[in-house]
């Protein structure tokens, strides 16, 4: 039986409050080691977009119109500018 299988079995046998304490302790240990919990959902998308923006060459970013963020619907959907 692998360590993960033994751990699962142990967790299944724990009362809920002890399982919660174990979970919190493992999270605290992981965070103390500097390893952040994995991002999911919108947080993961936001982090990926942020990384792409920071890694984009300046000449590419300069190609965006100055009012891009204010007139996003115009540039994406072709609506009239506000």
N, C-alpha and C. Protein backbone atom coordinates (compact mmCIF):
# COMPACT_ATOMS: atom_id res chain seq x y z
N UNK A 1 0.85 -1.17 0.00
CA UNK A 1 0.00 0.00 0.00
C UNK A 1 0.91 1.24 0.00
N UNK A 2 0.61 2.21 -0.89
CA UNK A 2 1.43 3.42 -1.00
C UNK A 2 1.17 4.35 0.18
N UNK A 3 2.03 5.33 0.32
CA UNK A 3 1.89 6.31 1.40
C UNK A 3 0.58 7.08 1.23
N UNK A 4 0.27 7.44 -0.01
CA UNK A 4 -0.98 8.19 -0.24
C UNK A 4 -2.19 7.34 0.10
N UNK A 5 -2.15 6.07 -0.21
CA UNK A 5 -3.28 5.19 0.12
C UNK A 5 -3.43 5.05 1.64
N UNK A 6 -2.31 4.92 2.34
CA UNK A 6 -2.36 4.81 3.81
C UNK A 6 -2.87 6.12 4.41
N UNK A 7 -2.45 7.23 3.83
CA UNK A 7 -2.91 8.53 4.32
C UNK A 7 -4.41 8.69 4.10
N UNK A 8 -4.89 8.29 2.92
CA UNK A 8 -6.34 8.36 2.65
C UNK A 8 -7.11 7.52 3.66
N UNK A 9 -6.63 6.34 3.94
CA UNK A 9 -7.30 5.45 4.89
C UNK A 9 -7.32 6.10 6.28
N UNK A 10 -6.21 6.68 6.67
CA UNK A 10 -6.14 7.34 7.98
C UNK A 10 -7.12 8.50 8.05
N UNK A 11 -7.16 9.30 7.01
CA UNK A 11 -8.06 10.46 6.98
C UNK A 11 -9.51 10.01 7.05
N UNK A 12 -9.86 8.95 6.36
CA UNK A 12 -11.23 8.43 6.38
C UNK A 12 -11.65 8.01 7.80
N UNK A 13 -10.70 7.57 8.60
CA UNK A 13 -11.00 7.10 9.95
C UNK A 13 -11.02 8.22 10.99
N UNK A 14 -10.52 9.41 10.63
CA UNK A 14 -10.46 10.52 11.58
C UNK A 14 -11.83 11.15 11.79
N UNK A 15 -12.10 11.61 13.01
CA UNK A 15 -13.29 12.44 13.22
C UNK A 15 -13.13 13.74 12.43
N UNK A 16 -14.23 14.37 12.08
CA UNK A 16 -14.20 15.56 11.22
C UNK A 16 -13.30 16.66 11.79
N UNK A 17 -13.38 16.91 13.10
CA UNK A 17 -12.58 17.99 13.68
C UNK A 17 -11.08 17.70 13.58
N UNK A 18 -10.69 16.44 13.74
CA UNK A 18 -9.27 16.09 13.61
C UNK A 18 -8.83 16.16 12.15
N UNK A 19 -9.70 15.80 11.23
CA UNK A 19 -9.38 15.92 9.81
C UNK A 19 -9.17 17.39 9.44
N UNK A 20 -9.99 18.27 10.00
CA UNK A 20 -9.86 19.70 9.76
C UNK A 20 -8.52 20.22 10.29
N UNK A 21 -8.14 19.79 11.48
CA UNK A 21 -6.86 20.19 12.07
C UNK A 21 -5.69 19.71 11.21
N UNK A 22 -5.77 18.49 10.73
CA UNK A 22 -4.73 17.94 9.88
C UNK A 22 -4.62 18.74 8.59
N UNK A 23 -5.75 19.04 7.99
CA UNK A 23 -5.78 19.82 6.76
C UNK A 23 -5.16 21.20 6.95
N UNK A 24 -5.57 21.90 8.01
CA UNK A 24 -5.04 23.22 8.30
C UNK A 24 -3.53 23.16 8.56
N UNK A 25 -3.09 22.12 9.27
CA UNK A 25 -1.67 21.97 9.55
C UNK A 25 -0.86 21.73 8.28
N UNK A 26 -1.40 20.92 7.38
CA UNK A 26 -0.71 20.66 6.11
C UNK A 26 -0.63 21.92 5.26
N UNK A 27 -1.72 22.70 5.23
CA UNK A 27 -1.70 23.96 4.48
C UNK A 27 -0.68 24.93 5.06
N UNK A 28 -0.64 25.03 6.38
CA UNK A 28 0.31 25.93 7.03
C UNK A 28 1.74 25.51 6.72
N UNK A 29 2.00 24.22 6.74
CA UNK A 29 3.34 23.72 6.43
C UNK A 29 3.71 24.02 4.99
N UNK A 30 2.78 23.82 4.09
CA UNK A 30 3.03 24.09 2.66
C UNK A 30 3.30 25.57 2.45
N UNK A 31 2.50 26.43 3.08
CA UNK A 31 2.68 27.88 2.93
C UNK A 31 3.98 28.34 3.57
N UNK A 32 4.37 27.74 4.68
CA UNK A 32 5.62 28.11 5.35
C UNK A 32 6.83 27.73 4.50
N UNK A 33 6.68 26.72 3.66
CA UNK A 33 7.79 26.29 2.82
C UNK A 33 7.96 27.20 1.61
N UNK A 34 7.04 28.17 1.46
CA UNK A 34 7.13 29.09 0.34
C UNK A 34 6.39 28.61 -0.89
N UNK A 35 5.84 27.44 -0.83
CA UNK A 35 5.11 26.89 -1.97
C UNK A 35 3.66 27.32 -1.87
N UNK A 36 3.23 28.14 -2.78
CA UNK A 36 1.86 28.64 -2.76
C UNK A 36 0.90 27.56 -3.25
N UNK A 37 -0.32 27.56 -2.73
CA UNK A 37 -1.31 26.61 -3.24
C UNK A 37 -1.60 26.92 -4.70
N UNK A 38 -1.92 25.91 -5.48
CA UNK A 38 -2.16 26.14 -6.90
C UNK A 38 -3.37 27.05 -7.14
N UNK A 39 -3.26 27.89 -8.14
CA UNK A 39 -4.36 28.78 -8.49
C UNK A 39 -5.37 28.03 -9.34
N UNK A 40 -6.62 28.39 -9.19
CA UNK A 40 -7.68 27.77 -9.99
C UNK A 40 -8.63 28.84 -10.50
N UNK A 41 -9.41 28.50 -11.47
CA UNK A 41 -10.47 29.37 -11.97
C UNK A 41 -9.96 30.71 -12.46
N UNK A 42 -10.67 31.76 -12.07
CA UNK A 42 -10.34 33.11 -12.54
C UNK A 42 -8.98 33.56 -12.02
N UNK A 43 -8.59 33.11 -10.85
CA UNK A 43 -7.28 33.50 -10.32
C UNK A 43 -6.16 32.97 -11.22
N UNK A 44 -6.32 31.74 -11.72
CA UNK A 44 -5.33 31.16 -12.62
C UNK A 44 -5.30 31.92 -13.95
N UNK A 45 -6.46 32.26 -14.47
CA UNK A 45 -6.54 33.02 -15.72
C UNK A 45 -5.91 34.40 -15.53
N UNK A 46 -6.22 35.07 -14.44
CA UNK A 46 -5.67 36.38 -14.16
C UNK A 46 -4.15 36.32 -14.06
N UNK A 47 -3.62 35.31 -13.39
CA UNK A 47 -2.17 35.17 -13.24
C UNK A 47 -1.52 34.91 -14.60
N UNK A 48 -2.15 34.09 -15.43
CA UNK A 48 -1.60 33.80 -16.76
C UNK A 48 -1.58 35.05 -17.63
N UNK A 49 -2.67 35.81 -17.62
CA UNK A 49 -2.72 37.04 -18.41
C UNK A 49 -1.72 38.07 -17.90
N UNK A 50 -1.58 38.16 -16.59
CA UNK A 50 -0.62 39.08 -16.00
C UNK A 50 0.80 38.72 -16.43
N UNK A 51 1.11 37.44 -16.41
CA UNK A 51 2.45 37.00 -16.81
C UNK A 51 2.70 37.30 -18.29
N UNK A 52 1.69 37.06 -19.13
CA UNK A 52 1.84 37.36 -20.56
C UNK A 52 2.07 38.85 -20.78
N UNK A 53 1.33 39.69 -20.07
CA UNK A 53 1.47 41.13 -20.22
C UNK A 53 2.86 41.59 -19.79
N UNK A 54 3.37 41.02 -18.71
CA UNK A 54 4.70 41.41 -18.24
C UNK A 54 5.81 40.93 -19.17
N UNK A 55 5.55 39.86 -19.91
CA UNK A 55 6.56 39.31 -20.80
C UNK A 55 6.43 39.81 -22.24
N UNK A 56 5.40 40.60 -22.51
CA UNK A 56 5.19 41.11 -23.87
C UNK A 56 6.25 42.16 -24.20
N UNK A 57 6.78 42.11 -25.43
CA UNK A 57 7.77 43.13 -25.83
C UNK A 57 7.14 44.52 -25.86
N UNK A 58 7.92 45.51 -25.50
CA UNK A 58 7.43 46.89 -25.46
C UNK A 58 6.88 47.34 -26.81
N UNK A 59 7.51 46.93 -27.91
CA UNK A 59 7.03 47.35 -29.23
C UNK A 59 5.65 46.79 -29.54
N UNK A 60 5.32 45.63 -29.00
CA UNK A 60 3.98 45.07 -29.20
C UNK A 60 2.96 45.83 -28.37
N UNK A 61 3.31 46.14 -27.13
CA UNK A 61 2.40 46.89 -26.27
C UNK A 61 2.14 48.29 -26.83
N UNK A 62 3.14 48.86 -27.49
CA UNK A 62 3.00 50.20 -28.06
C UNK A 62 2.00 50.23 -29.21
N UNK A 63 1.70 49.08 -29.79
CA UNK A 63 0.75 49.01 -30.91
C UNK A 63 -0.70 49.17 -30.46
N UNK A 64 -0.97 49.02 -29.16
CA UNK A 64 -2.33 49.18 -28.67
C UNK A 64 -2.71 50.66 -28.69
N UNK A 65 -3.95 50.98 -29.04
CA UNK A 65 -4.39 52.38 -29.00
C UNK A 65 -4.35 52.90 -27.56
N UNK A 66 -4.13 54.18 -27.39
CA UNK A 66 -4.04 54.78 -26.05
C UNK A 66 -5.33 54.61 -25.26
N UNK A 67 -6.48 54.57 -25.97
CA UNK A 67 -7.78 54.45 -25.28
C UNK A 67 -8.32 53.02 -25.30
N UNK A 68 -7.45 52.04 -25.44
CA UNK A 68 -7.89 50.65 -25.58
C UNK A 68 -8.76 50.19 -24.42
N UNK A 69 -8.32 50.44 -23.19
CA UNK A 69 -9.10 49.94 -22.04
C UNK A 69 -10.43 50.67 -21.90
N UNK A 70 -10.47 51.97 -22.23
CA UNK A 70 -11.72 52.72 -22.11
C UNK A 70 -12.70 52.38 -23.24
N UNK A 71 -12.18 52.01 -24.39
CA UNK A 71 -13.02 51.74 -25.56
C UNK A 71 -12.94 50.27 -25.98
N UNK A 72 -12.81 49.39 -25.02
CA UNK A 72 -12.64 47.97 -25.29
C UNK A 72 -13.73 47.41 -26.19
N UNK A 73 -14.99 47.75 -25.93
CA UNK A 73 -16.09 47.24 -26.75
C UNK A 73 -15.96 47.69 -28.21
N UNK A 74 -15.48 48.89 -28.41
CA UNK A 74 -15.28 49.38 -29.78
C UNK A 74 -14.23 48.54 -30.51
N UNK A 75 -13.11 48.29 -29.84
CA UNK A 75 -12.02 47.57 -30.49
C UNK A 75 -12.29 46.08 -30.64
N UNK A 76 -13.08 45.52 -29.74
CA UNK A 76 -13.37 44.08 -29.84
C UNK A 76 -14.61 43.81 -30.67
N UNK A 77 -15.70 44.56 -30.41
CA UNK A 77 -16.99 44.27 -31.05
C UNK A 77 -17.39 45.25 -32.15
N UNK A 78 -16.65 46.35 -32.28
CA UNK A 78 -16.96 47.32 -33.30
C UNK A 78 -18.08 48.28 -32.93
N UNK A 79 -18.43 48.38 -31.66
CA UNK A 79 -19.49 49.32 -31.24
C UNK A 79 -18.95 50.74 -31.40
N UNK A 80 -19.86 51.71 -31.36
CA UNK A 80 -19.44 53.11 -31.45
C UNK A 80 -18.67 53.50 -30.22
N UNK A 81 -17.69 54.38 -30.41
CA UNK A 81 -16.93 54.89 -29.27
C UNK A 81 -17.83 55.73 -28.39
N UNK A 82 -17.58 55.70 -27.11
CA UNK A 82 -18.35 56.52 -26.16
C UNK A 82 -17.82 57.90 -26.09
